[in-house]
Amino acid sequence: MKKIFYFCLSISLSFFFISCKDEEVEFSANNCKGNPQFIRTEGFDPKRSFFSTSEARTMGMVLIESEQPGNPKARITKSIQRPSWKKAGWLAPILLDEEGNIYTSPAPFINIWDNPIENNNTIYKVDTRSGDMDVFLKLPFADSVNIDNPFGIISMAYLCQTGTLYVSTVAGSRRNEENGHIYAINLKTKKIIDNIKNTDAMGMGITFIKGKRELYFGTGRSSDVYSVTLSSSGKFSGKPLLAFTLANLGQRGDDKVRKIRTDRFGNLLVHGMEFNFNLIAPREKQETIYYFKYSEEEKKWIYSK
């Protein structure tokens, strides 16, 4: 479940948002994510640097400068890890806002020795100026601690226009009980402004379709992908609806969604992999990218091989 964020121009097109009214809005690339200010003070080149939470034998987050960001075989010129970047144990999602603040959360790796279950619903923030990581917000955790499910926060997405952070958590879910949530959080007020209950959402992404901004997400229970319309304030408008499915696609035929990205036209790139609420090392899991294009003619998403 771990993720790498690269400081490259292409990343600015990874998510999409739209402006104006809910009923009919114009498409615009969501390129508001900024580089953390402390990168330059550390002597790193933002164009060749990235943050990683998936380095072998390195718990927490690492800042790395590479000759070719995005190429795992490229030579690493230097790297650093602030002491505070490892105090939350192993980490997974990495997300930036327009000021360059970094948001992340714990993710157990192999075992839970370094990731106590009671901390897995905590959002951490790395300050863009100081580079220090501290607790940003602890999501509700009532009746959710159980040894059957070591996972908490799984995925994050950000809508620039409203300053809304969307966070999915499966904390409290059991094999036969779907108790997860998707929270909508106003970053300025640090308040939860909306939520979707009883949903074990995994990978999430935002795009524009049919004149509206929508949040797309896969679930840990099936290969289905759902969408929910987002209002002008960042809240959820209506209930999630089935958008399409990964069932019977790819080599495995039952992939769950790990991540959802968008290209510059708003089409969806869905990263699928095997997931069964266990602690199989991510490096042992095979991943497939599925490309979906929205057909205005047929009014639905079409899988493109």
C-alpha atoms as a PDB file:
ATOM      1  CA  MET A   1       0.000   0.000   0.000  1.00  0.00           C
ATOM      2  CA  LYS A   2       3.003   2.305   0.023  1.00  0.00           C
ATOM      3  CA  LYS A   3       3.346   5.158  -2.362  1.00  0.00           C
ATOM      4  CA  ILE A   4       5.997   7.405  -3.923  1.00  0.00           C
ATOM      5  CA  PHE A   5       5.374  11.060  -4.810  1.00  0.00           C
ATOM      6  CA  TYR A   6       7.628  12.581  -7.482  1.00  0.00           C
ATOM      7  CA  PHE A   7       8.262  16.308  -7.942  1.00  0.00           C
ATOM      8  CA  CYS A   8       7.834  16.362 -11.711  1.00  0.00           C
ATOM      9  CA  LEU A   9       5.645  18.466 -13.995  1.00  0.00           C
ATOM     10  CA  SER A  10       3.528  15.467 -14.910  1.00  0.00           C
ATOM     11  CA  ILE A  11       2.404  15.064 -11.317  1.00  0.00           C
ATOM     12  CA  SER A  12       0.557  18.369 -11.512  1.00  0.00           C
ATOM     13  CA  LEU A  13      -1.920  16.616 -13.792  1.00  0.00           C
ATOM     14  CA  SER A  14      -2.464  13.630 -11.527  1.00  0.00           C
ATOM     15  CA  PHE A  15      -5.765  14.907 -10.136  1.00  0.00           C
ATOM     16  CA  PHE A  16      -8.421  17.149 -11.630  1.00  0.00           C
ATOM     17  CA  PHE A  17     -10.894  19.666 -10.278  1.00  0.00           C
ATOM     18  CA  ILE A  18     -13.358  22.088 -11.745  1.00  0.00           C
ATOM     19  CA  SER A  19     -14.509  25.549 -10.870  1.00  0.00           C
ATOM     20  CA  CYS A  20     -17.831  27.429 -10.910  1.00  0.00           C
ATOM     21  CA  LYS A  21     -21.217  25.878 -10.051  1.00  0.00           C
ATOM     22  CA  ASP A  22     -22.079  22.298  -9.096  1.00  0.00           C
ATOM     23  CA  GLU A  23     -24.673  21.939 -11.856  1.00  0.00           C
ATOM     24  CA  GLU A  24     -22.357  22.792 -14.756  1.00  0.00           C
ATOM     25  CA  VAL A  25     -18.649  23.396 -14.334  1.00  0.00           C
ATOM     26  CA  GLU A  26     -15.669  23.801 -16.636  1.00  0.00           C
ATOM     27  CA  PHE A  27     -12.754  21.401 -16.737  1.00  0.00           C
ATOM     28  CA  SER A  28      -9.404  22.542 -15.325  1.00  0.00           C
ATOM     29  CA  ALA A  29      -6.257  20.637 -14.375  1.00  0.00           C
ATOM     30  CA  ASN A  30      -5.754  20.393 -10.617  1.00  0.00           C
ATOM     31  CA  ASN A  31      -2.166  21.633 -10.550  1.00  0.00           C
ATOM     32  CA  CYS A  32      -2.184  23.476  -7.220  1.00  0.00           C
ATOM     33  CA  LYS A  33       0.187  21.159  -5.374  1.00  0.00           C
ATOM     34  CA  GLY A  34       3.321  23.044  -4.342  1.00  0.00           C
ATOM     35  CA  ASN A  35       6.853  21.959  -3.511  1.00  0.00           C
ATOM     36  CA  PRO A  36       7.756  22.006   0.192  1.00  0.00           C
ATOM     37  CA  GLN A  37       9.927  25.029   0.951  1.00  0.00           C
ATOM     38  CA  PHE A  38      12.378  23.079   3.090  1.00  0.00           C
ATOM     39  CA  ILE A  39      13.559  21.046   0.072  1.00  0.00           C
ATOM     40  CA  ARG A  40      15.740  23.901  -1.146  1.00  0.00           C
ATOM     41  CA  THR A  41      17.007  24.735   2.342  1.00  0.00           C
ATOM     42  CA  GLU A  42      18.225  21.151   2.548  1.00  0.00           C
ATOM     43  CA  GLY A  43      20.148  21.670  -0.701  1.00  0.00           C
ATOM     44  CA  PHE A  44      17.938  19.395  -2.823  1.00  0.00           C
ATOM     45  CA  ASP A  45      16.834  20.110  -6.391  1.00  0.00           C
ATOM     46  CA  PRO A  46      12.992  19.957  -6.475  1.00  0.00           C
ATOM     47  CA  LYS A  47      13.026  18.875 -10.123  1.00  0.00           C
ATOM     48  CA  ARG A  48      15.065  15.771  -9.307  1.00  0.00           C
ATOM     49  CA  SER A  49      13.730  14.989  -5.841  1.00  0.00           C
ATOM     50  CA  PHE A  50      10.879  12.933  -4.449  1.00  0.00           C
ATOM     51  CA  PHE A  51       9.509  11.665  -1.161  1.00  0.00           C
ATOM     52  CA  SER A  52       9.181   7.931  -0.605  1.00  0.00           C
ATOM     53  CA  THR A  53       7.565   5.765   2.060  1.00  0.00           C
ATOM     54  CA  SER A  54       8.525   2.479   0.398  1.00  0.00           C
ATOM     55  CA  GLU A  55      12.303   2.320   0.758  1.00  0.00           C
ATOM     56  CA  ALA A  56      13.562  -1.129   1.758  1.00  0.00           C
ATOM     57  CA  ARG A  57      14.724  -1.302   5.380  1.00  0.00           C
ATOM     58  CA  THR A  58      13.860   2.372   5.949  1.00  0.00           C
ATOM     59  CA  MET A  59      10.818   3.013   8.127  1.00  0.00           C
ATOM     60  CA  GLY A  60       8.984   6.307   7.677  1.00  0.00           C
ATOM     61  CA  MET A  61       9.446   8.934   4.956  1.00  0.00           C
ATOM     62  CA  VAL A  62      12.635   9.729   3.037  1.00  0.00           C
ATOM     63  CA  LEU A  63      13.578  12.655   0.767  1.00  0.00           C
ATOM     64  CA  ILE A  64      15.612  11.410  -2.185  1.00  0.00           C
ATOM     65  CA  GLU A  65      17.398  13.153  -5.044  1.00  0.00           C
ATOM     66  CA  SER A  66      17.857  11.005  -8.153  1.00  0.00           C
ATOM     67  CA  GLU A  67      19.417  11.420 -11.582  1.00  0.00           C
ATOM     68  CA  GLN A  68      16.112  10.203 -13.056  1.00  0.00           C
ATOM     69  CA  PRO A  69      13.087  10.522 -10.749  1.00  0.00           C
ATOM     70  CA  GLY A  70      10.598   7.803 -11.612  1.00  0.00           C
ATOM     71  CA  ASN A  71      13.289   5.341 -12.668  1.00  0.00           C
ATOM     72  CA  PRO A  72      13.979   2.927  -9.768  1.00  0.00           C
ATOM     73  CA  LYS A  73      17.293   1.910 -11.379  1.00  0.00           C
ATOM     74  CA  ALA A  74      18.609   5.469 -11.654  1.00  0.00           C
ATOM     75  CA  ARG A  75      21.489   6.530  -9.424  1.00  0.00           C
ATOM     76  CA  ILE A  76      20.500   8.219  -6.160  1.00  0.00           C
ATOM     77  CA  THR A  77      22.667  11.279  -5.579  1.00  0.00           C
ATOM     78  CA  LYS A  78      21.616  11.889  -1.964  1.00  0.00           C
ATOM     79  CA  SER A  79      18.873  11.321   0.587  1.00  0.00           C
ATOM     80  CA  ILE A  80      17.851  12.467   4.057  1.00  0.00           C
ATOM     81  CA  GLN A  81      15.381  11.485   6.760  1.00  0.00           C
ATOM     82  CA  ARG A  82      14.384  13.892   9.487  1.00  0.00           C
ATOM     83  CA  PRO A  83      13.999  12.210  12.913  1.00  0.00           C
ATOM     84  CA  SER A  84      10.299  13.133  13.061  1.00  0.00           C
ATOM     85  CA  TRP A  85       9.621  11.373   9.752  1.00  0.00           C
ATOM     86  CA  LYS A  86       9.900   7.941  11.347  1.00  0.00           C
ATOM     87  CA  LYS A  87       8.133   8.509  14.658  1.00  0.00           C
ATOM     88  CA  ALA A  88       4.798   7.298  13.228  1.00  0.00           C
ATOM     89  CA  GLY A  89       6.261   3.978  12.052  1.00  0.00           C
ATOM     90  CA  TRP A  90       5.790   2.755   8.498  1.00  0.00           C
ATOM     91  CA  LEU A  91       3.844   5.180   6.308  1.00  0.00           C
ATOM     92  CA  ALA A  92       1.845   4.932   3.081  1.00  0.00           C
ATOM     93  CA  PRO A  93      -0.066   7.729   1.299  1.00  0.00           C
ATOM     94  CA  ILE A  94       1.727  10.998   0.511  1.00  0.00           C
ATOM     95  CA  LEU A  95      -0.273  14.061  -0.524  1.00  0.00           C
ATOM     96  CA  LEU A  96       0.653  17.744  -0.912  1.00  0.00           C
ATOM     97  CA  ASP A  97      -1.422  20.916  -0.740  1.00  0.00           C
ATOM     98  CA  GLU A  98      -0.816  24.187  -2.592  1.00  0.00           C
ATOM     99  CA  GLU A  99       1.607  25.461   0.058  1.00  0.00           C
ATOM    100  CA  GLY A 100       3.722  22.329  -0.095  1.00  0.00           C
ATOM    101  CA  ASN A 101       2.576  20.859   3.209  1.00  0.00           C
ATOM    102  CA  ILE A 102       2.729  17.061   3.170  1.00  0.00           C
ATOM    103  CA  TYR A 103       0.010  14.800   4.550  1.00  0.00           C
ATOM    104  CA  THR A 104       0.572  11.139   5.292  1.00  0.00           C
ATOM    105  CA  SER A 105      -0.580   8.345   7.595  1.00  0.00           C
ATOM    106  CA  PRO A 106       0.667   5.078   9.143  1.00  0.00           C
ATOM    107  CA  ALA A 107       0.481   1.781   7.268  1.00  0.00           C
ATOM    108  CA  PRO A 108       1.550  -1.520   8.865  1.00  0.00           C
ATOM    109  CA  PHE A 109       4.274  -3.395   7.020  1.00  0.00           C
ATOM    110  CA  ILE A 110       4.725  -7.166   7.589  1.00  0.00           C
ATOM    111  CA  ASN A 111       3.696  -6.776  11.265  1.00  0.00           C
ATOM    112  CA  ILE A 112       2.281  -4.164  13.659  1.00  0.00           C
ATOM    113  CA  TRP A 113       5.273  -3.823  16.008  1.00  0.00           C
ATOM    114  CA  ASP A 114       6.084  -0.327  14.734  1.00  0.00           C
ATOM    115  CA  ASN A 115       2.487   0.588  13.935  1.00  0.00           C
ATOM    116  CA  PRO A 116       0.146   0.220  16.922  1.00  0.00           C
ATOM    117  CA  ILE A 117      -3.409  -0.250  15.689  1.00  0.00           C
ATOM    118  CA  GLU A 118      -4.697   2.675  17.759  1.00  0.00           C
ATOM    119  CA  ASN A 119      -2.524   5.089  15.710  1.00  0.00           C
ATOM    120  CA  ASN A 120      -3.597   3.935  12.255  1.00  0.00           C
ATOM    121  CA  ASN A 121      -6.437   6.474  11.978  1.00  0.00           C
ATOM    122  CA  THR A 122      -4.108   9.437  12.432  1.00  0.00           C
ATOM    123  CA  ILE A 123      -3.239  12.003   9.749  1.00  0.00           C
ATOM    124  CA  TYR A 124       0.269  13.470  10.023  1.00  0.00           C
ATOM    125  CA  LYS A 125       1.440  16.744   8.512  1.00  0.00           C
ATOM    126  CA  VAL A 126       4.974  17.712   7.441  1.00  0.00           C
ATOM    127  CA  ASP A 127       5.248  21.501   7.576  1.00  0.00           C
ATOM    128  CA  THR A 128       6.340  23.081   4.292  1.00  0.00           C
ATOM    129  CA  ARG A 129       8.749  25.496   6.035  1.00  0.00           C
ATOM    130  CA  SER A 130      10.240  23.588   8.958  1.00  0.00           C
ATOM    131  CA  GLY A 131      10.012  20.095   7.481  1.00  0.00           C
ATOM    132  CA  ASP A 132       8.902  18.712  10.852  1.00  0.00           C
ATOM    133  CA  MET A 133       6.184  16.059  11.001  1.00  0.00           C
ATOM    134  CA  ASP A 134       3.483  16.138  13.657  1.00  0.00           C
ATOM    135  CA  VAL A 135      -0.074  14.958  14.229  1.00  0.00           C
ATOM    136  CA  PHE A 136      -2.550  16.922  12.094  1.00  0.00           C
ATOM    137  CA  LEU A 137      -5.822  15.184  12.949  1.00  0.00           C
ATOM    138  CA  LYS A 138      -6.958  11.983  14.642  1.00  0.00           C
ATOM    139  CA  LEU A 139     -10.018  10.564  12.925  1.00  0.00           C
ATOM    140  CA  PRO A 140     -12.819   8.974  15.003  1.00  0.00           C
ATOM    141  CA  PHE A 141     -11.836   5.585  16.328  1.00  0.00           C
ATOM    142  CA  ALA A 142     -14.794   4.482  18.466  1.00  0.00           C
ATOM    143  CA  ASP A 143     -15.313   0.704  18.567  1.00  0.00           C
ATOM    144  CA  SER A 144     -12.745   0.258  15.829  1.00  0.00           C
ATOM    145  CA  VAL A 145      -9.708  -1.380  17.433  1.00  0.00           C
ATOM    146  CA  ASN A 146      -9.527  -5.078  16.661  1.00  0.00           C
ATOM    147  CA  ILE A 147      -6.667  -7.451  15.938  1.00  0.00           C
ATOM    148  CA  ASP A 148      -8.407  -8.930  12.891  1.00  0.00           C
ATOM    149  CA  ASN A 149      -7.789  -5.764  10.850  1.00  0.00           C
ATOM    150  CA  PRO A 150      -4.455  -3.925  11.294  1.00  0.00           C
ATOM    151  CA  PHE A 151      -5.288  -1.240   8.721  1.00  0.00           C
ATOM    152  CA  GLY A 152      -6.590   2.290   9.188  1.00  0.00           C
ATOM    153  CA  ILE A 153      -6.172   5.080   6.642  1.00  0.00           C
ATOM    154  CA  ILE A 154      -5.743   3.652   3.152  1.00  0.00           C
ATOM    155  CA  SER A 155      -5.948   6.523   0.675  1.00  0.00           C
ATOM    156  CA  MET A 156      -6.115  10.312   0.303  1.00  0.00           C
ATOM    157  CA  ALA A 157      -7.263  12.736  -2.413  1.00  0.00           C
ATOM    158  CA  TYR A 158      -7.322  16.539  -2.520  1.00  0.00           C
ATOM    159  CA  LEU A 159      -9.681  19.020  -4.187  1.00  0.00           C
ATOM    160  CA  CYS A 160      -7.764  22.266  -4.671  1.00  0.00           C
ATOM    161  CA  GLN A 161     -10.700  24.572  -5.275  1.00  0.00           C
ATOM    162  CA  THR A 162     -12.328  23.877  -1.910  1.00  0.00           C
ATOM    163  CA  GLY A 163      -9.218  22.958   0.090  1.00  0.00           C
ATOM    164  CA  THR A 164     -10.826  19.635   0.954  1.00  0.00           C
ATOM    165  CA  LEU A 165      -8.870  16.525   1.886  1.00  0.00           C
ATOM    166  CA  TYR A 166     -10.640  13.198   1.329  1.00  0.00           C
ATOM    167  CA  VAL A 167      -9.422  10.342   3.493  1.00  0.00           C
ATOM    168  CA  SER A 168     -10.549   6.724   3.361  1.00  0.00           C
ATOM    169  CA  THR A 169     -10.140   4.451   6.371  1.00  0.00           C
ATOM    170  CA  VAL A 170     -11.059   0.813   6.960  1.00  0.00           C
ATOM    171  CA  ALA A 171     -10.470   1.006  10.714  1.00  0.00           C
ATOM    172  CA  GLY A 172     -13.024  -1.081  12.581  1.00  0.00           C
ATOM    173  CA  SER A 173     -13.912  -3.273   9.619  1.00  0.00           C
ATOM    174  CA  ARG A 174     -13.879  -7.036   9.959  1.00  0.00           C
ATOM    175  CA  ARG A 175     -13.959  -9.808   7.416  1.00  0.00           C
ATOM    176  CA  ASN A 176     -17.757  -9.776   7.331  1.00  0.00           C
ATOM    177  CA  GLU A 177     -18.389  -6.209   8.535  1.00  0.00           C
ATOM    178  CA  GLU A 178     -17.844  -3.118   6.374  1.00  0.00           C
ATOM    179  CA  ASN A 179     -17.362  -0.348   8.933  1.00  0.00           C
ATOM    180  CA  GLY A 180     -14.993   1.979   7.072  1.00  0.00           C
ATOM    181  CA  HIS A 181     -15.501   5.671   6.238  1.00  0.00           C
ATOM    182  CA  ILE A 182     -14.588   8.286   3.677  1.00  0.00           C
ATOM    183  CA  TYR A 183     -14.073  11.621   5.430  1.00  0.00           C
ATOM    184  CA  ALA A 184     -14.150  15.069   3.825  1.00  0.00           C
ATOM    185  CA  ILE A 185     -11.877  17.405   5.824  1.00  0.00           C
ATOM    186  CA  ASN A 186     -11.462  21.160   5.497  1.00  0.00           C
ATOM    187  CA  LEU A 187      -7.694  21.670   5.768  1.00  0.00           C
ATOM    188  CA  LYS A 188      -7.935  25.253   7.054  1.00  0.00           C
ATOM    189  CA  THR A 189     -10.330  24.509   9.905  1.00  0.00           C
ATOM    190  CA  LYS A 190      -9.173  20.889  10.477  1.00  0.00           C
ATOM    191  CA  LYS A 191     -12.858  19.971  10.700  1.00  0.00           C
ATOM    192  CA  ILE A 192     -14.636  16.949   9.236  1.00  0.00           C
ATOM    193  CA  ILE A 193     -17.338  18.486   7.025  1.00  0.00           C
ATOM    194  CA  ASP A 194     -18.900  15.280   5.690  1.00  0.00           C
ATOM    195  CA  ASN A 195     -18.481  11.511   5.612  1.00  0.00           C
ATOM    196  CA  ILE A 196     -19.679   8.345   3.932  1.00  0.00           C
ATOM    197  CA  LYS A 197     -20.277   5.498   6.383  1.00  0.00           C
ATOM    198  CA  ASN A 198     -19.953   1.727   6.094  1.00  0.00           C
ATOM    199  CA  THR A 199     -17.635   1.899   3.094  1.00  0.00           C
ATOM    200  CA  ASP A 200     -14.194   0.269   2.914  1.00  0.00           C
ATOM    201  CA  ALA A 201     -12.762   2.530   0.213  1.00  0.00           C
ATOM    202  CA  MET A 202      -9.250   1.985  -1.069  1.00  0.00           C
ATOM    203  CA  GLY A 203      -7.712   3.953  -3.951  1.00  0.00           C
ATOM    204  CA  MET A 204      -9.399   7.306  -4.662  1.00  0.00           C
ATOM    205  CA  GLY A 205      -9.162   9.954  -7.361  1.00  0.00           C
ATOM    206  CA  ILE A 206     -10.993  13.096  -8.472  1.00  0.00           C
ATOM    207  CA  THR A 207     -12.011  13.955 -12.013  1.00  0.00           C
ATOM    208  CA  PHE A 208     -14.577  15.966 -13.963  1.00  0.00           C
ATOM    209  CA  ILE A 209     -17.366  14.282 -15.863  1.00  0.00           C
ATOM    210  CA  LYS A 210     -20.844  15.233 -17.098  1.00  0.00           C
ATOM    211  CA  GLY A 211     -20.338  18.822 -15.982  1.00  0.00           C
ATOM    212  CA  LYS A 212     -19.593  17.856 -12.390  1.00  0.00           C
ATOM    213  CA  ARG A 213     -16.618  17.115 -10.143  1.00  0.00           C
ATOM    214  CA  GLU A 214     -16.651  13.549  -8.855  1.00  0.00           C
ATOM    215  CA  LEU A 215     -14.688  11.420  -6.397  1.00  0.00           C
ATOM    216  CA  TYR A 216     -14.002   7.876  -7.619  1.00  0.00           C
ATOM    217  CA  PHE A 217     -13.027   5.046  -5.298  1.00  0.00           C
ATOM    218  CA  GLY A 218     -12.588   1.296  -5.243  1.00  0.00           C
ATOM    219  CA  THR A 219     -13.509  -0.894  -2.292  1.00  0.00           C
ATOM    220  CA  GLY A 220     -11.670  -3.573  -0.367  1.00  0.00           C
ATOM    221  CA  ARG A 221     -14.666  -5.865  -0.698  1.00  0.00           C
ATOM    222  CA  SER A 222     -14.997  -6.127  -4.471  1.00  0.00           C
ATOM    223  CA  SER A 223     -13.506  -5.081  -7.789  1.00  0.00           C
ATOM    224  CA  ASP A 224     -16.141  -2.397  -8.261  1.00  0.00           C
ATOM    225  CA  VAL A 225     -15.421   1.320  -8.640  1.00  0.00           C
ATOM    226  CA  TYR A 226     -17.929   3.879  -7.342  1.00  0.00           C
ATOM    227  CA  SER A 227     -18.364   7.612  -7.846  1.00  0.00           C
ATOM    228  CA  VAL A 228     -19.949  10.360  -5.776  1.00  0.00           C
ATOM    229  CA  THR A 229     -20.545  13.962  -6.859  1.00  0.00           C
ATOM    230  CA  LEU A 230     -18.759  16.706  -4.892  1.00  0.00           C
ATOM    231  CA  SER A 231     -20.494  19.997  -4.064  1.00  0.00           C
ATOM    232  CA  SER A 232     -19.026  23.499  -4.332  1.00  0.00           C
ATOM    233  CA  SER A 233     -18.122  23.305  -0.633  1.00  0.00           C
ATOM    234  CA  GLY A 234     -16.384  19.940  -0.972  1.00  0.00           C
ATOM    235  CA  LYS A 235     -19.158  17.900   0.615  1.00  0.00           C
ATOM    236  CA  PHE A 236     -20.681  14.743  -0.854  1.00  0.00           C
ATOM    237  CA  SER A 237     -23.728  15.357  -3.018  1.00  0.00           C
ATOM    238  CA  GLY A 238     -25.938  12.285  -3.145  1.00  0.00           C
ATOM    239  CA  LYS A 239     -24.992   8.669  -2.593  1.00  0.00           C
ATOM    240  CA  PRO A 240     -22.106   6.747  -4.243  1.00  0.00           C
ATOM    241  CA  LEU A 241     -23.108   5.026  -7.482  1.00  0.00           C
ATOM    242  CA  LEU A 242     -21.461   2.125  -9.310  1.00  0.00           C
ATOM    243  CA  ALA A 243     -19.313   3.552 -12.135  1.00  0.00           C
ATOM    244  CA  PHE A 244     -17.592   0.434 -13.517  1.00  0.00           C
ATOM    245  CA  THR A 245     -15.777  -2.701 -12.361  1.00  0.00           C
ATOM    246  CA  LEU A 246     -12.383  -4.403 -12.675  1.00  0.00           C
ATOM    247  CA  ALA A 247     -14.024  -7.838 -12.370  1.00  0.00           C
ATOM    248  CA  ASN A 248     -12.823 -10.270 -15.040  1.00  0.00           C
ATOM    249  CA  LEU A 249     -10.175  -7.806 -16.266  1.00  0.00           C
ATOM    250  CA  GLY A 250      -6.424  -8.354 -16.291  1.00  0.00           C
ATOM    251  CA  GLN A 251      -4.488 -11.466 -15.310  1.00  0.00           C
ATOM    252  CA  ARG A 252      -6.204 -12.049 -11.971  1.00  0.00           C
ATOM    253  CA  GLY A 253      -9.766 -10.969 -12.722  1.00  0.00           C
ATOM    254  CA  ASP A 254     -10.523  -9.872  -9.158  1.00  0.00           C
ATOM    255  CA  ASP A 255      -8.178  -6.951  -8.497  1.00  0.00           C
ATOM    256  CA  LYS A 256      -8.999  -4.305  -5.882  1.00  0.00           C
ATOM    257  CA  VAL A 257      -8.212  -0.634  -6.542  1.00  0.00           C
ATOM    258  CA  ARG A 258      -4.924   0.577  -5.015  1.00  0.00           C
ATOM    259  CA  LYS A 259      -4.802   4.013  -6.648  1.00  0.00           C
ATOM    260  CA  ILE A 260      -6.753   6.122  -9.147  1.00  0.00           C
ATOM    261  CA  ARG A 261      -5.072   8.775 -11.294  1.00  0.00           C
ATOM    262  CA  THR A 262      -6.314  10.937 -14.144  1.00  0.00           C
ATOM    263  CA  ASP A 263      -4.625  11.976 -17.349  1.00  0.00           C
ATOM    264  CA  ARG A 264      -4.805  15.500 -18.789  1.00  0.00           C
ATOM    265  CA  PHE A 265      -8.101  14.700 -20.491  1.00  0.00           C
ATOM    266  CA  GLY A 266      -9.798  13.481 -17.304  1.00  0.00           C
ATOM    267  CA  ASN A 267      -9.617   9.783 -18.199  1.00  0.00           C
ATOM    268  CA  LEU A 268      -8.962   7.353 -15.331  1.00  0.00           C
ATOM    269  CA  LEU A 269      -5.872   5.221 -14.767  1.00  0.00           C
ATOM    270  CA  VAL A 270      -6.856   2.643 -12.166  1.00  0.00           C
ATOM    271  CA  HIS A 271      -4.086   0.725 -10.401  1.00  0.00           C
ATOM    272  CA  GLY A 272      -5.384  -2.713  -9.413  1.00  0.00           C
ATOM    273  CA  MET A 273      -3.845  -5.415  -7.218  1.00  0.00           C
ATOM    274  CA  GLU A 274      -4.703  -8.325  -4.967  1.00  0.00           C
ATOM    275  CA  PHE A 275      -5.909  -7.291  -1.499  1.00  0.00           C
ATOM    276  CA  ASN A 276      -7.380  -9.392   1.303  1.00  0.00           C
ATOM    277  CA  PHE A 277      -6.894  -7.285   4.449  1.00  0.00           C
ATOM    278  CA  ASN A 278      -3.633  -9.032   5.266  1.00  0.00           C
ATOM    279  CA  LEU A 279      -0.031  -7.930   5.658  1.00  0.00           C
ATOM    280  CA  ILE A 280       1.528  -9.470   2.548  1.00  0.00           C
ATOM    281  CA  ALA A 281       4.547  -7.351   1.667  1.00  0.00           C
ATOM    282  CA  PRO A 282       3.568  -4.830  -1.069  1.00  0.00           C
ATOM    283  CA  ARG A 283       6.649  -5.765  -3.087  1.00  0.00           C
ATOM    284  CA  GLU A 284       5.222  -9.272  -3.427  1.00  0.00           C
ATOM    285  CA  LYS A 285       1.997  -8.032  -4.964  1.00  0.00           C
ATOM    286  CA  GLN A 286       1.645  -7.651  -8.711  1.00  0.00           C
ATOM    287  CA  GLU A 287      -0.062  -4.504  -9.971  1.00  0.00           C
ATOM    288  CA  THR A 288      -1.951  -3.809 -13.191  1.00  0.00           C
ATOM    289  CA  ILE A 289      -2.962  -0.404 -14.562  1.00  0.00           C
ATOM    290  CA  TYR A 290      -6.403  -0.258 -16.173  1.00  0.00           C
ATOM    291  CA  TYR A 291      -7.295   2.661 -18.463  1.00  0.00           C
ATOM    292  CA  PHE A 292     -10.888   3.905 -18.621  1.00  0.00           C
ATOM    293  CA  LYS A 293     -12.212   6.573 -20.981  1.00  0.00           C
ATOM    294  CA  TYR A 294     -15.606   8.188 -20.596  1.00  0.00           C
ATOM    295  CA  SER A 295     -17.840   7.859 -23.657  1.00  0.00           C
ATOM    296  CA  GLU A 296     -20.114  10.865 -24.102  1.00  0.00           C
ATOM    297  CA  GLU A 297     -22.065   8.866 -26.665  1.00  0.00           C
ATOM    298  CA  GLU A 298     -22.757   5.879 -24.435  1.00  0.00           C
ATOM    299  CA  LYS A 299     -22.733   7.907 -21.189  1.00  0.00           C
ATOM    300  CA  LYS A 300     -20.457   5.438 -19.411  1.00  0.00           C
ATOM    301  CA  TRP A 301     -16.836   4.544 -18.742  1.00  0.00           C
ATOM    302  CA  ILE A 302     -15.229   2.278 -21.332  1.00  0.00           C
ATOM    303  CA  TYR A 303     -12.261   0.039 -20.548  1.00  0.00           C
ATOM    304  CA  SER A 304      -9.410   0.468 -23.016  1.00  0.00           C
ATOM    305  CA  LYS A 305      -6.822  -2.316 -23.261  1.00  0.00           C
END
